[in-house]
């Protein structure tokens, strides 16, 4: 059994010759460079466009928030004016309920 294991180990340890490959045949060449350069330009454009859209969305959200705050302030002012008119319409005491006839 020892001889069989030694034979298998010897066969695995013997390197097999690898064929020599011409480096010009396995390099990407000018077409590979052109494809990678084009891919890089597309990725740069997509990132630039995404950042522009994110900025635009943030500005719109800020404007919407500001408009909502202004509208809420306007509603509060109108509500205060309506409350003041109710108090002025009351006979006398602004603290108590209006007098009934």
N, C-alpha and C. Protein backbone atom coordinates (compact mmCIF):
# COMPACT_ATOMS: atom_id res chain seq x y z
N UNK A 1 0.83 -1.18 0.00
CA UNK A 1 0.00 0.00 0.00
C UNK A 1 0.87 1.25 0.00
N UNK A 2 1.97 1.14 0.70
CA UNK A 2 2.90 2.26 0.76
C UNK A 2 3.43 2.58 -0.63
N UNK A 3 3.65 1.56 -1.44
CA UNK A 3 4.16 1.76 -2.80
C UNK A 3 3.13 2.48 -3.67
N UNK A 4 1.87 2.18 -3.46
CA UNK A 4 0.81 2.83 -4.25
C UNK A 4 0.75 4.32 -3.92
N UNK A 5 0.82 4.64 -2.61
CA UNK A 5 0.78 6.06 -2.20
C UNK A 5 2.02 6.80 -2.71
N UNK A 6 3.15 6.16 -2.70
CA UNK A 6 4.37 6.79 -3.20
C UNK A 6 4.27 7.02 -4.69
N UNK A 7 3.66 6.10 -5.41
CA UNK A 7 3.50 6.26 -6.85
C UNK A 7 2.55 7.41 -7.16
N UNK A 8 1.47 7.52 -6.39
CA UNK A 8 0.51 8.62 -6.60
C UNK A 8 1.14 9.96 -6.24
N UNK A 9 1.90 9.99 -5.16
CA UNK A 9 2.56 11.23 -4.76
C UNK A 9 3.61 11.63 -5.77
N UNK A 10 4.32 10.67 -6.32
CA UNK A 10 5.34 10.96 -7.32
C UNK A 10 4.71 11.48 -8.61
N UNK A 11 3.55 10.94 -8.97
CA UNK A 11 2.89 11.39 -10.20
C UNK A 11 2.35 12.80 -10.02
N UNK A 12 1.89 13.15 -8.84
CA UNK A 12 1.34 14.47 -8.59
C UNK A 12 2.45 15.50 -8.48
N UNK A 13 3.62 15.10 -8.03
CA UNK A 13 4.72 16.04 -7.84
C UNK A 13 5.43 16.35 -9.15
N UNK A 14 5.27 15.50 -10.16
CA UNK A 14 5.94 15.73 -11.43
C UNK A 14 5.18 16.82 -12.19
N UNK A 15 5.84 17.94 -12.45
CA UNK A 15 5.12 19.01 -13.16
C UNK A 15 4.93 18.67 -14.63
N UNK A 16 3.80 19.09 -15.13
CA UNK A 16 3.56 18.87 -16.55
C UNK A 16 3.98 20.13 -17.28
N UNK A 17 4.59 20.02 -18.40
CA UNK A 17 5.03 21.22 -19.11
C UNK A 17 3.83 22.01 -19.63
N UNK A 18 3.88 23.32 -19.42
CA UNK A 18 2.80 24.18 -19.90
C UNK A 18 3.21 24.76 -21.23
N UNK A 19 2.31 24.86 -22.14
CA UNK A 19 2.67 25.41 -23.44
C UNK A 19 2.95 26.91 -23.32
N UNK A 20 3.91 27.38 -24.06
CA UNK A 20 4.24 28.80 -24.04
C UNK A 20 3.19 29.56 -24.86
N UNK A 21 2.64 30.62 -24.24
CA UNK A 21 1.59 31.41 -24.88
C UNK A 21 2.19 32.73 -25.33
N UNK A 22 1.85 33.12 -26.51
CA UNK A 22 2.33 34.39 -27.04
C UNK A 22 1.63 35.53 -26.29
N UNK A 23 2.38 36.43 -25.61
CA UNK A 23 1.74 37.49 -24.83
C UNK A 23 0.91 38.45 -25.69
N UNK A 24 1.22 38.57 -26.97
CA UNK A 24 0.44 39.46 -27.83
C UNK A 24 -0.96 38.91 -28.10
N UNK A 25 -1.12 37.60 -27.96
CA UNK A 25 -2.42 37.01 -28.22
C UNK A 25 -3.36 37.09 -27.01
N UNK A 26 -2.83 37.25 -25.83
CA UNK A 26 -3.69 37.25 -24.64
C UNK A 26 -3.88 38.64 -24.03
N UNK A 27 -3.24 39.66 -24.58
CA UNK A 27 -3.45 41.01 -24.06
C UNK A 27 -4.70 41.60 -24.71
N UNK A 28 -5.34 42.54 -24.04
CA UNK A 28 -6.58 43.09 -24.60
C UNK A 28 -6.37 43.92 -25.86
N UNK A 29 -5.22 44.54 -25.99
CA UNK A 29 -4.94 45.32 -27.19
C UNK A 29 -5.70 46.64 -27.22
N UNK A 30 -5.68 47.29 -28.36
CA UNK A 30 -6.33 48.61 -28.45
C UNK A 30 -7.85 48.54 -28.31
N UNK A 31 -8.46 47.45 -28.77
CA UNK A 31 -9.91 47.33 -28.63
C UNK A 31 -10.30 47.17 -27.17
N UNK A 32 -9.54 46.42 -26.44
CA UNK A 32 -9.82 46.27 -25.00
C UNK A 32 -9.67 47.58 -24.27
N UNK A 33 -8.63 48.35 -24.62
CA UNK A 33 -8.44 49.66 -24.01
C UNK A 33 -9.62 50.58 -24.33
N UNK A 34 -10.05 50.57 -25.59
CA UNK A 34 -11.16 51.43 -26.01
C UNK A 34 -12.43 51.07 -25.25
N UNK A 35 -12.71 49.80 -25.08
CA UNK A 35 -13.91 49.38 -24.36
C UNK A 35 -13.84 49.80 -22.90
N UNK A 36 -12.71 49.60 -22.25
CA UNK A 36 -12.57 49.98 -20.84
C UNK A 36 -12.65 51.50 -20.68
N UNK A 37 -12.04 52.26 -21.59
CA UNK A 37 -12.11 53.72 -21.53
C UNK A 37 -13.55 54.20 -21.71
N UNK A 38 -14.26 53.61 -22.66
CA UNK A 38 -15.66 53.97 -22.87
C UNK A 38 -16.50 53.62 -21.65
N UNK A 39 -16.26 52.48 -21.07
CA UNK A 39 -16.98 52.07 -19.87
C UNK A 39 -16.70 53.04 -18.72
N UNK A 40 -15.47 53.47 -18.57
CA UNK A 40 -15.13 54.44 -17.52
C UNK A 40 -15.84 55.76 -17.75
N UNK A 41 -15.90 56.23 -19.00
CA UNK A 41 -16.61 57.48 -19.30
C UNK A 41 -18.10 57.37 -19.01
N UNK A 42 -18.69 56.24 -19.32
CA UNK A 42 -20.11 56.03 -19.04
C UNK A 42 -20.37 56.04 -17.53
N UNK A 43 -19.52 55.39 -16.77
CA UNK A 43 -19.69 55.37 -15.32
C UNK A 43 -19.53 56.77 -14.74
N UNK A 44 -18.55 57.53 -15.22
CA UNK A 44 -18.37 58.91 -14.74
C UNK A 44 -19.60 59.75 -15.06
N UNK A 45 -20.13 59.62 -16.26
CA UNK A 45 -21.33 60.37 -16.63
C UNK A 45 -22.52 59.98 -15.75
N UNK A 46 -22.70 58.69 -15.51
CA UNK A 46 -23.83 58.25 -14.68
C UNK A 46 -23.72 58.76 -13.25
N UNK A 47 -22.53 58.76 -12.67
CA UNK A 47 -22.34 59.28 -11.31
C UNK A 47 -22.62 60.77 -11.28
N UNK A 48 -22.14 61.50 -12.29
CA UNK A 48 -22.37 62.95 -12.37
C UNK A 48 -23.87 63.25 -12.47
N UNK A 49 -24.59 62.50 -13.31
CA UNK A 49 -26.02 62.70 -13.47
C UNK A 49 -26.78 62.36 -12.19
N UNK A 50 -26.38 61.29 -11.52
CA UNK A 50 -27.03 60.90 -10.27
C UNK A 50 -26.85 61.97 -9.20
N UNK A 51 -25.65 62.52 -9.09
CA UNK A 51 -25.41 63.56 -8.10
C UNK A 51 -26.24 64.81 -8.41
N UNK A 52 -26.37 65.15 -9.68
CA UNK A 52 -27.18 66.30 -10.08
C UNK A 52 -28.64 66.08 -9.70
N UNK A 53 -29.14 64.89 -9.93
CA UNK A 53 -30.53 64.60 -9.59
C UNK A 53 -30.75 64.60 -8.07
N UNK A 54 -29.79 64.11 -7.32
CA UNK A 54 -29.91 64.12 -5.86
C UNK A 54 -29.92 65.55 -5.34
N UNK A 55 -29.03 66.40 -5.87
CA UNK A 55 -29.03 67.82 -5.46
C UNK A 55 -30.35 68.48 -5.79
N UNK A 56 -30.87 68.22 -6.97
CA UNK A 56 -32.14 68.81 -7.39
C UNK A 56 -33.27 68.36 -6.46
N UNK A 57 -33.27 67.11 -6.08
CA UNK A 57 -34.29 66.60 -5.16
C UNK A 57 -34.19 67.25 -3.79
N UNK A 58 -32.97 67.45 -3.32
CA UNK A 58 -32.79 68.10 -2.01
C UNK A 58 -33.26 69.55 -2.05
N UNK A 59 -32.97 70.26 -3.13
CA UNK A 59 -33.41 71.66 -3.25
C UNK A 59 -34.92 71.71 -3.29
N UNK A 60 -35.54 70.83 -4.05
CA UNK A 60 -37.01 70.80 -4.11
C UNK A 60 -37.61 70.50 -2.75
N UNK A 61 -37.02 69.58 -2.01
CA UNK A 61 -37.52 69.25 -0.68
C UNK A 61 -37.39 70.45 0.26
N UNK A 62 -36.28 71.17 0.17
CA UNK A 62 -36.10 72.37 1.00
C UNK A 62 -37.13 73.44 0.65
N UNK A 63 -37.38 73.63 -0.63
CA UNK A 63 -38.36 74.62 -1.05
C UNK A 63 -39.76 74.21 -0.60
N UNK A 64 -40.10 72.93 -0.76
CA UNK A 64 -41.41 72.46 -0.31
C UNK A 64 -41.57 72.65 1.20
N UNK A 65 -40.51 72.37 1.94
CA UNK A 65 -40.55 72.54 3.40
C UNK A 65 -40.75 74.02 3.76
N UNK A 66 -40.05 74.89 3.05
CA UNK A 66 -40.18 76.32 3.32
C UNK A 66 -41.58 76.82 2.97
N UNK A 67 -42.13 76.38 1.84
CA UNK A 67 -43.48 76.77 1.45
C UNK A 67 -44.51 76.26 2.45
N UNK A 68 -44.33 75.06 2.93
CA UNK A 68 -45.25 74.50 3.93
C UNK A 68 -45.19 75.29 5.23
N UNK A 69 -43.99 75.69 5.64
CA UNK A 69 -43.84 76.49 6.86
C UNK A 69 -44.51 77.85 6.69
N UNK A 70 -44.36 78.47 5.51
CA UNK A 70 -45.00 79.75 5.26
C UNK A 70 -46.51 79.62 5.26
N UNK A 71 -47.02 78.55 4.64
CA UNK A 71 -48.46 78.33 4.61
C UNK A 71 -49.00 78.08 6.03
N UNK A 72 -48.25 77.34 6.81
CA UNK A 72 -48.68 77.07 8.19
C UNK A 72 -48.68 78.36 9.00
N UNK A 73 -47.69 79.20 8.79
CA UNK A 73 -47.65 80.49 9.50
C UNK A 73 -48.81 81.37 9.06
N UNK A 74 -49.14 81.35 7.79
CA UNK A 74 -50.28 82.13 7.29
C UNK A 74 -51.58 81.63 7.89
N UNK A 75 -51.75 80.31 7.97
CA UNK A 75 -52.96 79.75 8.59
C UNK A 75 -53.04 80.12 10.06
N UNK A 76 -51.89 80.12 10.74
CA UNK A 76 -51.90 80.49 12.16
C UNK A 76 -52.26 81.95 12.33
N UNK A 77 -51.76 82.81 11.44
CA UNK A 77 -52.10 84.24 11.50
C UNK A 77 -53.59 84.44 11.24
N UNK A 78 -54.12 83.76 10.25
CA UNK A 78 -55.55 83.88 9.95
C UNK A 78 -56.39 83.36 11.10
N UNK A 79 -55.98 82.28 11.72
CA UNK A 79 -56.73 81.74 12.86
C UNK A 79 -56.69 82.72 14.02
N UNK A 80 -55.56 83.37 14.22
CA UNK A 80 -55.46 84.36 15.31
C UNK A 80 -56.36 85.55 15.03
N UNK A 81 -56.42 86.01 13.77
CA UNK A 81 -57.29 87.13 13.42
C UNK A 81 -58.75 86.77 13.61
N UNK A 82 -59.12 85.54 13.27
CA UNK A 82 -60.51 85.10 13.46
C UNK A 82 -60.83 85.04 14.94
N UNK A 83 -59.90 84.54 15.75
CA UNK A 83 -60.12 84.49 17.19
C UNK A 83 -60.25 85.89 17.77
N UNK A 84 -59.44 86.83 17.27
CA UNK A 84 -59.54 88.21 17.76
C UNK A 84 -60.88 88.81 17.40
N UNK A 85 -61.43 88.52 16.25
CA UNK A 85 -62.72 89.05 15.86
C UNK A 85 -63.81 88.48 16.75
N UNK A 86 -63.69 87.20 17.11
CA UNK A 86 -64.68 86.61 18.01
C UNK A 86 -64.63 87.28 19.37
N UNK A 87 -63.44 87.58 19.85
CA UNK A 87 -63.30 88.21 21.15
C UNK A 87 -63.85 89.63 21.10
N UNK A 88 -63.57 90.35 20.02
CA UNK A 88 -64.06 91.71 19.88
C UNK A 88 -65.58 91.73 19.76
N UNK A 89 -66.15 90.70 19.19
CA UNK A 89 -67.60 90.66 19.04
C UNK A 89 -68.29 90.37 20.36
N UNK A 90 -67.59 89.78 21.29
CA UNK A 90 -68.19 89.47 22.59
C UNK A 90 -68.46 90.78 23.34
N UNK A 91 -69.50 90.77 24.09
CA UNK A 91 -69.85 91.98 24.85
C UNK A 91 -69.03 92.04 26.11
N UNK A 92 -67.98 92.80 26.04
CA UNK A 92 -67.25 93.07 27.28
C UNK A 92 -66.08 92.16 27.52
N UNK A 93 -66.28 91.12 28.27
CA UNK A 93 -65.20 90.31 28.82
C UNK A 93 -64.60 89.39 27.76
N UNK A 94 -63.33 89.62 27.35
CA UNK A 94 -62.71 88.73 26.37
C UNK A 94 -62.35 87.37 26.97
N UNK A 95 -62.37 87.28 28.31
CA UNK A 95 -62.01 86.02 28.95
C UNK A 95 -63.18 85.04 29.00
N UNK A 96 -64.35 85.51 29.10
CA UNK A 96 -65.52 84.65 29.25
C UNK A 96 -66.24 84.42 27.94
N UNK A 97 -67.27 83.59 28.00
CA UNK A 97 -68.04 83.33 26.79
C UNK A 97 -68.84 84.57 26.41
N UNK A 98 -69.22 84.70 25.14
CA UNK A 98 -70.01 85.85 24.74
C UNK A 98 -71.38 85.83 25.42
N UNK A 99 -71.91 87.02 25.66
CA UNK A 99 -73.21 87.14 26.34
C UNK A 99 -74.31 86.73 25.37
N UNK A 100 -75.33 86.05 25.92
CA UNK A 100 -76.43 85.62 25.07
C UNK A 100 -77.60 86.57 25.28
N UNK A 101 -78.32 86.87 24.26
CA UNK A 101 -79.46 87.79 24.40
C UNK A 101 -80.65 87.19 25.10
